[in-house]
Structures are given as C-alpha cells and as structure tokens.
Amino acid sequence: MLKVKLDQDKCVSGGQCVFAAPEVFDQRDEDGVAVLLREDVPAELVDGVREAADICPALAITLQEN
C-alpha cells in the first residue's frame, strides 16, 4: 500500500492536489492550504495521488511505498 505525507508548511495553496486526487486531498477554507484526508492510499487512488505529488508546485507531497 502507498502512504502519502503532506507538509502543510510548504504548501502554497495551489490546489492542484485536490484536482488530481479529491478523495485524498482537500483545502482549508480560510487559507487554501491542503489537508490530507487519508494517509493510506488504496490501489484505485494511487494514480491520482502520484499525479498530485508530481504536479505539486511546492513539493509538499511525499509518497512512501509499503
């Protein structure tokens, strides 16, 4: 299983992760900073999460294979 980590301190509120994987990422209403909805990524969501990590302008998303 894939694990995803989000460094909110690096996040620049671009929202690209939410578009790529809305089941895994959201944004805070007050400032747009990304929020991680789940750390363990099921197989059917892996492609979107990988895309989110690849396109994150702040490199705030890291992935760990288990």
C-alpha atoms as a PDB file:
ATOM      1  CA  MET A   1       0.000   0.000   0.000  1.00  0.00           C
ATOM      2  CA  LEU A   2       1.074   3.559  -0.684  1.00  0.00           C
ATOM      3  CA  LYS A   3       1.322   6.094   2.135  1.00  0.00           C
ATOM      4  CA  VAL A   4       1.129   9.810   1.455  1.00  0.00           C
ATOM      5  CA  LYS A   5       2.519  12.627   3.589  1.00  0.00           C
ATOM      6  CA  LEU A   6       1.716  16.315   3.270  1.00  0.00           C
ATOM      7  CA  ASP A   7       3.925  19.108   4.597  1.00  0.00           C
ATOM      8  CA  GLN A   8       1.411  21.895   5.196  1.00  0.00           C
ATOM      9  CA  ASP A   9       4.226  24.342   5.984  1.00  0.00           C
ATOM     10  CA  LYS A  10       5.456  24.009   2.381  1.00  0.00           C
ATOM     11  CA  CYS A  11       2.004  24.189   0.789  1.00  0.00           C
ATOM     12  CA  VAL A  12       1.393  27.270  -1.386  1.00  0.00           C
ATOM     13  CA  SER A  13      -2.374  26.670  -1.709  1.00  0.00           C
ATOM     14  CA  GLY A  14      -2.223  25.873  -5.419  1.00  0.00           C
ATOM     15  CA  GLY A  15      -4.973  23.269  -5.162  1.00  0.00           C
ATOM     16  CA  GLN A  16      -3.514  21.000  -7.827  1.00  0.00           C
ATOM     17  CA  CYS A  17      -3.596  18.041  -5.439  1.00  0.00           C
ATOM     18  CA  VAL A  18      -7.330  18.464  -4.902  1.00  0.00           C
ATOM     19  CA  PHE A  19      -7.989  18.347  -8.644  1.00  0.00           C
ATOM     20  CA  ALA A  20      -5.753  15.290  -9.101  1.00  0.00           C
ATOM     21  CA  ALA A  21      -6.985  13.293  -6.079  1.00  0.00           C
ATOM     22  CA  PRO A  22     -10.065  14.795  -4.399  1.00  0.00           C
ATOM     23  CA  GLU A  23     -10.621  11.621  -2.376  1.00  0.00           C
ATOM     24  CA  VAL A  24      -7.260  12.135  -0.661  1.00  0.00           C
ATOM     25  CA  PHE A  25      -6.747  15.923  -0.532  1.00  0.00           C
ATOM     26  CA  ASP A  26      -8.868  18.929   0.350  1.00  0.00           C
ATOM     27  CA  GLN A  27      -8.148  22.576   1.153  1.00  0.00           C
ATOM     28  CA  ARG A  28      -8.844  24.624   4.263  1.00  0.00           C
ATOM     29  CA  ASP A  29     -11.498  27.265   3.657  1.00  0.00           C
ATOM     30  CA  GLU A  30      -9.662  30.023   5.494  1.00  0.00           C
ATOM     31  CA  ASP A  31      -6.346  29.952   3.615  1.00  0.00           C
ATOM     32  CA  GLY A  32      -6.471  27.248   0.940  1.00  0.00           C
ATOM     33  CA  VAL A  33      -3.707  25.147   2.488  1.00  0.00           C
ATOM     34  CA  ALA A  34      -4.031  21.493   1.551  1.00  0.00           C
ATOM     35  CA  VAL A  35      -5.415  18.980   4.015  1.00  0.00           C
ATOM     36  CA  LEU A  36      -4.756  15.253   3.888  1.00  0.00           C
ATOM     37  CA  LEU A  37      -7.995  13.265   4.108  1.00  0.00           C
ATOM     38  CA  ARG A  38      -6.327   9.861   4.281  1.00  0.00           C
ATOM     39  CA  GLU A  39      -2.745   8.696   4.685  1.00  0.00           C
ATOM     40  CA  ASP A  40      -3.145   5.163   3.342  1.00  0.00           C
ATOM     41  CA  VAL A  41      -3.960   5.175  -0.355  1.00  0.00           C
ATOM     42  CA  PRO A  42      -5.986   2.276  -1.787  1.00  0.00           C
ATOM     43  CA  ALA A  43      -4.926   0.889  -5.166  1.00  0.00           C
ATOM     44  CA  GLU A  44      -7.698   2.622  -7.087  1.00  0.00           C
ATOM     45  CA  LEU A  45      -6.492   6.075  -5.968  1.00  0.00           C
ATOM     46  CA  VAL A  46      -2.742   5.587  -6.457  1.00  0.00           C
ATOM     47  CA  ASP A  47      -2.559   7.131  -9.938  1.00  0.00           C
ATOM     48  CA  GLY A  48      -4.239  10.359  -8.821  1.00  0.00           C
ATOM     49  CA  VAL A  49      -2.056  10.644  -5.732  1.00  0.00           C
ATOM     50  CA  ARG A  50       1.103  10.098  -7.786  1.00  0.00           C
ATOM     51  CA  GLU A  51      -0.050  12.817 -10.178  1.00  0.00           C
ATOM     52  CA  ALA A  52      -0.742  15.151  -7.244  1.00  0.00           C
ATOM     53  CA  ALA A  53       2.782  14.606  -5.915  1.00  0.00           C
ATOM     54  CA  ASP A  54       4.283  15.156  -9.363  1.00  0.00           C
ATOM     55  CA  ILE A  55       2.470  18.430 -10.052  1.00  0.00           C
ATOM     56  CA  CYS A  56       2.657  19.971  -6.562  1.00  0.00           C
ATOM     57  CA  PRO A  57       4.420  23.323  -7.133  1.00  0.00           C
ATOM     58  CA  ALA A  58       5.810  23.345  -3.580  1.00  0.00           C
ATOM     59  CA  LEU A  59       6.905  19.680  -3.477  1.00  0.00           C
ATOM     60  CA  ALA A  60       4.860  19.372  -0.288  1.00  0.00           C
ATOM     61  CA  ILE A  61       3.658  15.825  -1.017  1.00  0.00           C
ATOM     62  CA  THR A  62       5.818  12.782  -0.444  1.00  0.00           C
ATOM     63  CA  LEU A  63       4.972   9.163  -1.109  1.00  0.00           C
ATOM     64  CA  GLN A  64       6.160   6.040   0.675  1.00  0.00           C
ATOM     65  CA  GLU A  65       5.708   2.526  -0.685  1.00  0.00           C
ATOM     66  CA  ASN A  66       4.983  -0.168   1.879  1.00  0.00           C
END
